[in-house]
Structure formats: structure tokens, C-alpha cells
Amino acid sequence: MEPNLAIVAGAGDLPQQLVAACQSTGRGYQVVRFNGIDLNWVDDQPVIDAVFEKPNSLFKQLKKAECTQVVFAGAMQRPKLNPLKFDLKLMKLAPTLLPALKGGDDGALSLIAQIFESEGITVIPAHEILPELLAQSGVLTNIKPSQQDQADISRGFAILHAMSSADVGQACVVGQGLCLGIETIQGSDTLLRFVQETKNDYVDHSAGVFIKAPKQNQDRRMDMPTIGIETVNSVHTAGLRGIAIAANGVQMLDRDACIQQANELGLFIAAVDT
């Protein structure tokens, strides 16, 4: 029997896919719903309601539910913590946790993983449960990248490699060799909207590739880069030619639907060895 799983759920479809995987194998699970996170699908699920400022209560509930593994799934903004609500455990963690939350994602998430594991709860990545999330190397669509696209893809991965040491973001857009935008804390949707509004001032109307890859020292158990059907639609709306992701390094939600939508929109999706 696999150990009971805690699914710390954020926005998007991934938490529901993990629930479905647990249900299909009969694995015990609990959905962890933090305050302020809108999860309108959990009413008929086993749920642990959690408060960011009170980790002690969360860990007690996880132990009661015999959850010895945890997976973090879905988008979640950094919480605005209220020190007046801190429980004793968070007060002890605050001197190291609060500075980490003000830095890059890697340091903060690695520290959160350490906190869970110090409670005897192992952090696992979503793709350990759903291995089909990761794309193998190759072009996944009918449309293939052009020679210019390939040059833009190489340039994009070089930019992301350079950004890694600064722990900034996981995506960029490159067109005709020019970097048209990089992902920051606001996320990929904001990047693509910015590119949509500005790119035609710098490159041909149909140029540009959205590139996404994990950072070099990223804790892939907790923060795996992800694309989905909304990404495909946003890339098309931004007037780009396609998507390039790091092979075995980016999760693709609803893979078949993404590929079908890209084919219908005339986009390519390429998984690239980096």
C-alpha cells in the first residue's frame, strides 16, 4: 500500500488530476486547502483546512490523517502573513522563513520542504504520481520549428540559463534573436500579455517563441514549470509561432488537448534537450 498523500492544492487542474490518480489506485489522500485559496471543486473531497500562520495545526491534522507524503500542486501566490496570528511553531520558524519568503522562489520553497520533512512528511513531485506530465525530447505537433525558430529557441534557453543564478523566472519570449520579455514574479500570463501588446514594434508580426525551463538549482519537487491549454491559447493570442520547453523539465497539463489545440491554431510545441 502506498502511503497516504497530502495534496497542497493551488489554482489550476493539476490538484484534481492528482486526486483522480489517487482515486484510481485506491490511495488515501487529503486535499490541503489554505485560507484564501479558492477551490470550488473540493466540497466532496477529504479536506484539511489550513491557515498559513498556524503550521502546527496543519501538521497535527496531517499526522492524524496518517499522511507521510506531500505533493504541492497548482499556482499559489505568496501569502501576506499576519504576525499577530502566528502560532508557536511559526514564531520559532520566523527568523529563517520570513527572510526566505522575501527572496527568490528557490530558497523559500527549499526551506518549506525542509520544514515538512522535519515533521516526517516526505515531499514528492507531481510527476512521480503522473509521469505522463513530462514530455520527452522531440516536436510534439504537426507544425515544426523553422530555422529562425530554432535560433530563437537556442537564444531563449541561453537567456533562461543566465537568469537562473538570479532566481528570477522560468520563461522568456524571443523573436528574431531579440528578447521580447522575461517572466518575473507576476508569471507567464503577464509576460505573454506584455509581449502581445509590444512585440510588433520590434519584430515581424508572426515571429516569436515562448520558451520555458526549470532554473538550474530549482527544487523540482515543489516548483516544476508547467504549461497547459491556457498557455497554448495565450501564446497564439500573443501572435507567437510556438512553444519550446525543456524536455523532462516542464510539466504539460492535459498533454493531448494541448497538442490538439496547438495543431488547430498552427503552433508548434517542441521539447528540447538542454
Protein backbone atom coordinates (compact mmCIF):
# COMPACT_ATOMS: atom_id res chain seq x y z
CA MET A 1 0.00 0.00 0.00
CA GLU A 2 1.25 3.47 -0.90
CA PRO A 3 1.38 5.96 1.97
CA ASN A 4 -1.42 8.47 2.41
CA LEU A 5 -0.79 11.59 0.39
CA ALA A 6 -1.36 15.24 1.27
CA ILE A 7 -2.13 17.33 -1.83
CA VAL A 8 -1.39 21.00 -1.12
CA ALA A 9 -3.70 22.48 -3.72
CA GLY A 10 -3.40 25.73 -5.60
CA ALA A 11 -5.11 27.01 -8.73
CA GLY A 12 -5.36 25.01 -11.93
CA ASP A 13 -6.22 21.45 -12.90
CA LEU A 14 -3.20 19.61 -11.51
CA PRO A 15 -4.56 19.06 -7.98
CA GLN A 16 -7.69 17.47 -9.45
CA GLN A 17 -5.60 15.22 -11.68
CA LEU A 18 -3.68 14.05 -8.61
CA VAL A 19 -6.94 13.37 -6.78
CA ALA A 20 -8.17 11.31 -9.74
CA ALA A 21 -4.90 9.33 -9.76
CA CYS A 22 -5.27 8.56 -6.05
CA GLN A 23 -8.88 7.51 -6.51
CA SER A 24 -7.99 5.22 -9.43
CA THR A 25 -5.47 3.30 -7.31
CA GLY A 26 -7.33 3.45 -4.01
CA ARG A 27 -4.62 5.54 -2.42
CA GLY A 28 -5.57 7.51 0.67
CA TYR A 29 -5.28 11.28 0.32
CA GLN A 30 -6.21 14.62 1.86
CA VAL A 31 -6.57 17.90 -0.02
CA VAL A 32 -4.90 20.73 1.92
CA ARG A 33 -6.81 23.97 1.35
CA PHE A 34 -5.07 27.07 2.66
CA ASN A 35 -7.08 30.12 3.63
CA GLY A 36 -7.63 32.48 0.73
CA ILE A 37 -7.20 29.77 -1.93
CA ASP A 38 -10.42 29.35 -3.93
CA LEU A 39 -11.01 25.64 -4.53
CA ASN A 40 -14.60 25.25 -5.66
CA TRP A 41 -14.17 21.56 -6.50
CA VAL A 42 -13.27 20.16 -3.08
CA ASP A 43 -16.66 20.06 -1.38
CA ASP A 44 -16.93 16.29 -1.80
CA GLN A 45 -13.27 15.61 -1.07
CA PRO A 46 -11.43 14.81 2.18
CA VAL A 47 -10.15 18.27 3.06
CA ILE A 48 -7.80 19.72 5.64
CA ASP A 49 -8.38 23.45 6.00
CA ALA A 50 -5.13 25.19 6.85
CA VAL A 51 -4.06 28.69 7.88
CA PHE A 52 -0.66 29.93 6.74
CA GLU A 53 0.11 31.41 10.15
CA LYS A 54 -0.68 28.17 12.02
CA PRO A 55 1.51 25.32 10.69
CA ASN A 56 1.29 23.42 13.99
CA SER A 57 -2.42 22.77 13.43
CA LEU A 58 -1.74 21.63 9.87
CA PHE A 59 0.92 19.14 10.90
CA LYS A 60 -1.30 17.74 13.65
CA GLN A 61 -4.09 17.16 11.12
CA LEU A 62 -1.70 15.56 8.62
CA LYS A 63 -0.41 13.18 11.28
CA LYS A 64 -3.95 12.33 12.34
CA ALA A 65 -4.75 11.52 8.69
CA GLU A 66 -1.53 9.43 8.53
CA CYS A 67 -0.21 11.43 5.58
CA THR A 68 3.51 10.72 5.27
CA GLN A 69 3.98 12.16 1.79
CA VAL A 70 3.03 15.58 0.42
CA VAL A 71 2.81 16.97 -3.10
CA PHE A 72 2.49 20.67 -3.95
CA ALA A 73 0.29 21.26 -6.99
CA GLY A 74 -1.14 24.34 -8.65
CA ALA A 75 -0.36 28.02 -8.66
CA MET A 76 -0.28 29.79 -5.31
CA GLN A 77 0.73 33.37 -4.57
CA ARG A 78 2.98 34.13 -1.64
CA PRO A 79 0.83 34.72 1.42
CA LYS A 80 0.72 38.01 3.28
CA LEU A 81 1.39 36.77 6.79
CA ASN A 82 -0.07 38.44 9.86
CA PRO A 83 2.44 38.17 12.74
CA LEU A 84 -0.38 38.64 15.26
CA LYS A 85 -1.77 35.24 14.19
CA PHE A 86 1.49 33.27 14.36
CA ASP A 87 1.35 30.07 16.36
CA LEU A 88 4.34 29.00 18.45
CA LYS A 89 5.82 26.88 15.65
CA LEU A 90 5.76 29.72 13.14
CA MET A 91 7.21 32.12 15.71
CA LYS A 92 10.18 29.76 16.02
CA LEU A 93 10.49 29.45 12.23
CA ALA A 94 10.01 33.15 11.51
CA PRO A 95 13.68 34.26 11.78
CA THR A 96 14.64 31.97 8.88
CA LEU A 97 11.33 31.67 7.00
CA LEU A 98 10.41 35.35 6.66
CA PRO A 99 13.71 36.42 5.04
CA ALA A 100 13.44 33.44 2.67
CA LEU A 101 9.93 34.49 1.60
CA LYS A 102 11.31 37.90 0.62
CA GLY A 103 13.91 36.31 -1.66
CA GLY A 104 13.63 34.09 -4.73
CA ASP A 105 11.34 31.09 -5.03
CA ASP A 106 14.11 28.50 -4.78
CA GLY A 107 15.28 29.42 -1.30
CA ALA A 108 11.76 29.81 0.08
CA LEU A 109 10.45 26.56 -1.34
CA SER A 110 13.51 24.57 -0.29
CA LEU A 111 13.04 25.83 3.26
CA ILE A 112 9.34 24.90 3.22
CA ALA A 113 10.30 21.41 2.03
CA GLN A 114 12.75 21.12 4.93
CA ILE A 115 10.00 22.12 7.38
CA PHE A 116 7.66 19.41 6.11
CA GLU A 117 10.38 16.79 6.13
CA SER A 118 11.39 17.71 9.66
CA GLU A 119 7.85 16.65 10.58
CA GLY A 120 8.38 13.25 8.96
CA ILE A 121 6.46 14.11 5.77
CA THR A 122 8.34 13.41 2.54
CA VAL A 123 7.94 15.91 -0.30
CA ILE A 124 7.43 14.28 -3.71
CA PRO A 125 6.95 15.84 -7.17
CA ALA A 126 3.66 15.60 -9.03
CA HIS A 127 5.33 13.78 -11.91
CA GLU A 128 6.23 10.93 -9.59
CA ILE A 129 2.49 10.21 -9.46
CA LEU A 130 1.72 11.36 -13.02
CA PRO A 131 4.84 10.58 -15.09
CA GLU A 132 2.99 11.47 -18.29
CA LEU A 133 3.24 15.13 -17.26
CA LEU A 134 6.82 15.31 -18.55
CA ALA A 135 7.42 15.50 -22.29
CA GLN A 136 10.26 13.54 -23.88
CA SER A 137 12.57 15.21 -26.38
CA GLY A 138 11.05 15.96 -29.79
CA VAL A 139 8.49 18.04 -31.67
CA LEU A 140 5.04 17.12 -30.39
CA THR A 141 2.93 18.87 -33.04
CA ASN A 142 2.39 18.69 -36.78
CA ILE A 143 3.95 22.14 -37.17
CA LYS A 144 7.75 22.12 -36.92
CA PRO A 145 10.01 24.99 -35.82
CA SER A 146 11.65 26.88 -38.69
CA GLN A 147 15.36 27.59 -38.81
CA GLN A 148 14.68 31.05 -37.33
CA ASP A 149 12.53 29.47 -34.61
CA GLN A 150 15.34 27.08 -33.73
CA ALA A 151 17.75 30.00 -33.42
CA ASP A 152 15.25 31.82 -31.18
CA ILE A 153 14.83 28.69 -29.07
CA SER A 154 18.58 28.38 -28.53
CA ARG A 155 18.76 32.06 -27.64
CA GLY A 156 15.85 31.66 -25.22
CA PHE A 157 17.39 28.75 -23.34
CA ALA A 158 20.65 30.70 -23.09
CA ILE A 159 18.74 33.62 -21.54
CA LEU A 160 16.99 31.33 -19.05
CA HIS A 161 20.32 29.74 -18.14
CA ALA A 162 21.74 33.20 -17.42
CA MET A 163 18.67 34.13 -15.35
CA SER A 164 18.94 31.02 -13.17
CA SER A 165 21.61 32.37 -10.87
CA ALA A 166 19.39 35.37 -10.09
CA ASP A 167 16.39 33.11 -9.25
CA VAL A 168 14.05 35.33 -11.29
CA GLY A 169 11.78 33.34 -13.59
CA GLN A 170 11.30 30.25 -15.72
CA ALA A 171 10.20 31.66 -19.08
CA CYS A 172 11.01 34.18 -21.76
CA VAL A 173 9.94 35.13 -25.28
CA VAL A 174 12.44 35.52 -28.10
CA GLY A 175 11.72 36.69 -31.66
CA GLN A 176 14.27 37.10 -34.44
CA GLY A 177 17.01 36.90 -31.83
CA LEU A 178 15.56 39.64 -29.63
CA CYS A 179 14.39 39.01 -26.09
CA LEU A 180 10.85 40.39 -26.07
CA GLY A 181 10.21 39.71 -22.40
CA ILE A 182 11.10 37.61 -19.38
CA GLU A 183 8.94 36.05 -16.70
CA THR A 184 9.11 37.65 -13.27
CA ILE A 185 7.07 37.15 -10.11
CA GLN A 186 3.88 38.16 -11.98
CA GLY A 187 4.05 34.93 -14.02
CA SER A 188 3.80 33.72 -17.61
CA ASP A 189 0.33 35.13 -18.31
CA THR A 190 1.55 38.65 -17.57
CA LEU A 191 4.64 38.08 -19.72
CA LEU A 192 2.52 36.94 -22.68
CA ARG A 193 0.12 39.88 -22.35
CA PHE A 194 3.09 42.27 -22.35
CA VAL A 195 4.54 40.60 -25.45
CA GLN A 196 1.16 40.73 -27.19
CA GLU A 197 1.00 44.49 -26.61
CA THR A 198 4.58 45.34 -27.61
CA LYS A 199 6.20 42.76 -29.87
CA ASN A 200 5.09 44.16 -33.22
CA ASP A 201 7.15 47.27 -32.53
CA TYR A 202 10.31 45.16 -32.71
CA VAL A 203 9.82 42.03 -34.86
CA ASP A 204 7.74 40.72 -37.74
CA HIS A 205 4.10 40.08 -36.94
CA SER A 206 4.40 36.26 -36.91
CA ALA A 207 7.78 35.96 -35.14
CA GLY A 208 8.49 34.79 -31.64
CA VAL A 209 8.75 31.70 -29.44
CA PHE A 210 7.69 31.20 -25.82
CA ILE A 211 10.44 29.25 -24.01
CA LYS A 212 10.13 27.64 -20.58
CA ALA A 213 12.60 25.65 -18.47
CA PRO A 214 13.40 24.97 -14.82
CA LYS A 215 16.08 27.02 -13.13
CA GLN A 216 19.41 25.30 -12.56
CA ASN A 217 19.12 24.84 -8.81
CA GLN A 218 15.34 24.64 -8.65
CA ASP A 219 13.73 22.20 -6.23
CA ARG A 220 11.69 20.30 -8.80
CA ARG A 221 9.68 18.52 -6.13
CA MET A 222 7.84 21.73 -5.31
CA ASP A 223 8.08 24.12 -8.22
CA MET A 224 8.14 22.36 -11.57
CA PRO A 225 7.50 24.72 -14.51
CA THR A 226 4.12 24.00 -16.08
CA ILE A 227 2.21 24.74 -19.27
CA GLY A 228 -1.37 23.90 -20.19
CA ILE A 229 -4.14 24.66 -22.62
CA GLU A 230 -4.34 28.27 -21.40
CA THR A 231 -0.65 28.69 -22.21
CA VAL A 232 -1.24 27.46 -25.76
CA ASN A 233 -4.13 29.88 -26.22
CA SER A 234 -2.15 32.78 -24.73
CA VAL A 235 0.83 32.08 -26.99
CA HIS A 236 -1.49 32.17 -30.00
CA THR A 237 -3.16 35.38 -28.82
CA ALA A 238 0.29 36.95 -28.37
CA GLY A 239 0.98 36.25 -32.06
CA LEU A 240 3.86 33.84 -31.46
CA ARG A 241 4.85 30.86 -33.58
CA GLY A 242 5.18 28.24 -30.90
CA ILE A 243 6.34 26.90 -27.56
CA ALA A 244 9.66 25.33 -26.59
CA ILE A 245 10.04 23.56 -23.24
CA ALA A 246 12.91 21.73 -21.61
CA ALA A 247 12.49 18.01 -22.22
CA ASN A 248 11.75 16.17 -18.95
CA GLY A 249 11.84 19.53 -17.17
CA VAL A 250 8.40 21.08 -17.71
CA GLN A 251 5.00 19.66 -16.82
CA MET A 252 2.37 19.67 -19.55
CA LEU A 253 -1.17 19.53 -18.22
CA ASP A 254 -3.72 17.85 -20.49
CA ARG A 255 -0.98 16.94 -22.94
CA ASP A 256 -3.22 15.58 -25.71
CA ALA A 257 -5.53 18.60 -25.54
CA CYS A 258 -2.53 20.96 -25.67
CA ILE A 259 -1.14 19.25 -28.75
CA GLN A 260 -4.51 19.17 -30.49
CA GLN A 261 -5.13 22.85 -29.74
CA ALA A 262 -1.66 23.81 -30.96
CA ASN A 263 -2.22 21.90 -34.19
CA GLU A 264 -5.55 23.64 -34.74
CA LEU A 265 -4.00 27.06 -34.06
CA GLY A 266 -0.95 26.44 -36.26
CA LEU A 267 1.55 26.46 -33.42
CA PHE A 268 4.43 24.13 -32.67
CA ILE A 269 5.32 22.60 -29.31
CA ALA A 270 8.88 21.31 -29.04
CA ALA A 271 10.51 19.57 -26.07
CA VAL A 272 14.22 20.30 -26.25
CA ASP A 273 17.21 18.69 -24.56
CA THR A 274 19.07 21.46 -22.74
